[in-house]
Amino acid sequence: MADHNDLGNEGELRAQAYLREKGYKILKTNWVSGKLELDIVAEKDNILVIVEVKTRSTDTFEHPEEAITLKKIRNLVNAAHDYIFKFDWQGDTRFDVISVIPKGQIFRIDHIEDAFMPPL
């Protein structure tokens, strides 16, 4: 497996651990609907939380959450819609972004709640 895939997988594992520590219940990871994927689907306080995880080896050029384009947002919203329909979710939903950047043996984790609203 390529190094960037290893880093991405490690970032997602760190994000999941972070969310669990904060009281989130992880419902699904890497949930796929057609060609769309949700990194983490979690629940906290009766809110469905769709989490996009962005892991980078450095934030020198672009902070990880800056990599979330309008197209990516649309894909996340469409995948979330599929998830909500499939599992008959009846509550509120929000979209979060977690960026993970390694700093030696430690990982810096930034969690942005309500990172964006679904486009109309």
Protein backbone atom coordinates (compact mmCIF):
# COMPACT_ATOMS: atom_id res chain seq x y z
CA MET A 1 0.00 0.00 0.00
CA ALA A 2 1.28 3.49 -0.80
CA ASP A 3 2.55 5.68 2.03
CA HIS A 4 -0.23 8.24 1.48
CA ASN A 5 -2.83 5.47 1.88
CA ASP A 6 -1.17 4.38 5.15
CA LEU A 7 -1.23 7.98 6.36
CA GLY A 8 -4.87 8.39 5.35
CA ASN A 9 -5.86 5.19 7.15
CA GLU A 10 -3.97 6.25 10.26
CA GLY A 11 -5.67 9.64 10.11
CA GLU A 12 -9.11 8.04 9.97
CA LEU A 13 -8.28 5.78 12.92
CA ARG A 14 -7.06 8.78 14.92
CA ALA A 15 -10.24 10.69 14.02
CA GLN A 16 -12.42 7.79 15.15
CA ALA A 17 -10.56 7.55 18.47
CA TYR A 18 -10.89 11.31 18.95
CA LEU A 19 -14.65 11.18 18.32
CA ARG A 20 -15.13 8.26 20.72
CA GLU A 21 -13.22 10.18 23.40
CA LYS A 22 -15.63 13.09 22.85
CA GLY A 23 -18.68 10.87 23.35
CA TYR A 24 -19.62 10.16 19.75
CA LYS A 25 -21.00 6.78 18.77
CA ILE A 26 -19.41 5.59 15.53
CA LEU A 27 -22.14 4.06 13.36
CA LYS A 28 -20.23 3.40 10.13
CA THR A 29 -16.79 3.97 8.68
CA ASN A 30 -16.01 4.18 4.99
CA TRP A 31 -19.69 3.75 4.14
CA VAL A 32 -20.17 3.47 0.37
CA SER A 33 -23.14 4.34 -1.80
CA GLY A 34 -22.34 3.75 -5.45
CA LYS A 35 -19.20 5.78 -6.14
CA LEU A 36 -19.70 7.98 -3.07
CA GLU A 37 -18.15 7.41 0.34
CA LEU A 38 -18.63 8.78 3.83
CA ASP A 39 -15.48 8.54 5.96
CA ILE A 40 -17.26 8.43 9.32
CA VAL A 41 -20.93 8.38 10.22
CA ALA A 42 -21.44 9.05 13.91
CA GLU A 43 -24.16 10.05 16.33
CA LYS A 44 -24.07 12.37 19.30
CA ASP A 45 -26.95 14.02 21.15
CA ASN A 46 -29.46 12.59 18.65
CA ILE A 47 -27.67 14.27 15.75
CA LEU A 48 -26.34 12.29 12.81
CA VAL A 49 -22.83 13.57 12.19
CA ILE A 50 -21.21 13.03 8.80
CA VAL A 51 -17.46 13.46 9.23
CA GLU A 52 -15.04 14.07 6.37
CA VAL A 53 -11.49 13.26 7.46
CA LYS A 54 -8.62 15.04 5.75
CA THR A 55 -5.13 13.84 6.59
CA ARG A 56 -2.02 15.52 5.26
CA SER A 57 1.63 15.01 6.05
CA THR A 58 2.01 18.79 6.42
CA ASP A 59 -0.10 21.92 6.35
CA THR A 60 2.58 23.93 4.54
CA PHE A 61 0.69 24.34 1.26
CA GLU A 62 -2.92 23.78 2.18
CA HIS A 63 -4.61 23.04 5.46
CA PRO A 64 -6.51 19.75 5.06
CA GLU A 65 -10.02 21.19 5.40
CA GLU A 66 -9.27 23.60 2.55
CA ALA A 67 -9.28 20.56 0.24
CA ILE A 68 -13.05 20.26 0.54
CA THR A 69 -14.41 21.67 -2.69
CA LEU A 70 -17.99 22.42 -3.67
CA LYS A 71 -18.00 19.18 -5.68
CA LYS A 72 -16.83 17.25 -2.60
CA ILE A 73 -19.56 18.88 -0.52
CA ARG A 74 -22.18 17.87 -3.07
CA ASN A 75 -20.88 14.29 -3.04
CA LEU A 76 -20.98 14.20 0.77
CA VAL A 77 -24.52 15.56 0.83
CA ASN A 78 -25.67 13.04 -1.79
CA ALA A 79 -24.07 10.14 0.08
CA ALA A 80 -25.57 11.39 3.36
CA HIS A 81 -28.98 11.54 1.69
CA ASP A 82 -28.58 7.91 0.62
CA TYR A 83 -27.53 6.93 4.16
CA ILE A 84 -30.45 8.78 5.73
CA PHE A 85 -32.90 7.15 3.35
CA LYS A 86 -31.42 3.64 3.71
CA PHE A 87 -31.34 3.71 7.52
CA ASP A 88 -34.50 5.84 7.92
CA TRP A 89 -32.77 8.51 10.00
CA GLN A 90 -35.41 10.87 11.42
CA GLY A 91 -33.29 13.39 13.33
CA ASP A 92 -31.05 16.33 12.52
CA THR A 93 -27.86 15.95 10.51
CA ARG A 94 -24.69 17.99 10.43
CA PHE A 95 -21.45 17.87 8.48
CA ASP A 96 -18.12 18.07 10.29
CA VAL A 97 -14.54 18.08 9.07
CA ILE A 98 -11.64 16.63 11.01
CA SER A 99 -8.15 17.44 9.83
CA VAL A 100 -5.29 15.26 10.98
CA ILE A 101 -1.67 16.32 10.63
CA PRO A 102 1.21 14.30 12.08
CA LYS A 103 3.75 16.18 14.18
CA GLY A 104 6.41 13.55 14.85
CA GLN A 105 4.76 10.78 16.88
CA ILE A 106 1.83 13.03 17.82
CA PHE A 107 -1.09 13.87 15.55
CA ARG A 108 -2.69 17.30 15.59
CA ILE A 109 -6.45 16.98 15.26
CA ASP A 110 -8.69 19.91 14.39
CA HIS A 111 -12.43 19.30 14.54
CA ILE A 112 -14.71 21.73 12.75
CA GLU A 113 -18.33 21.15 13.70
CA ASP A 114 -21.00 22.31 11.24
CA ALA A 115 -18.24 22.86 8.70
CA PHE A 116 -20.69 23.56 5.89
CA MET A 117 -24.36 23.62 5.04
CA PRO A 118 -25.70 21.54 2.16
CA PRO A 119 -25.92 23.62 -1.02
CA LEU A 120 -29.39 24.28 -2.38
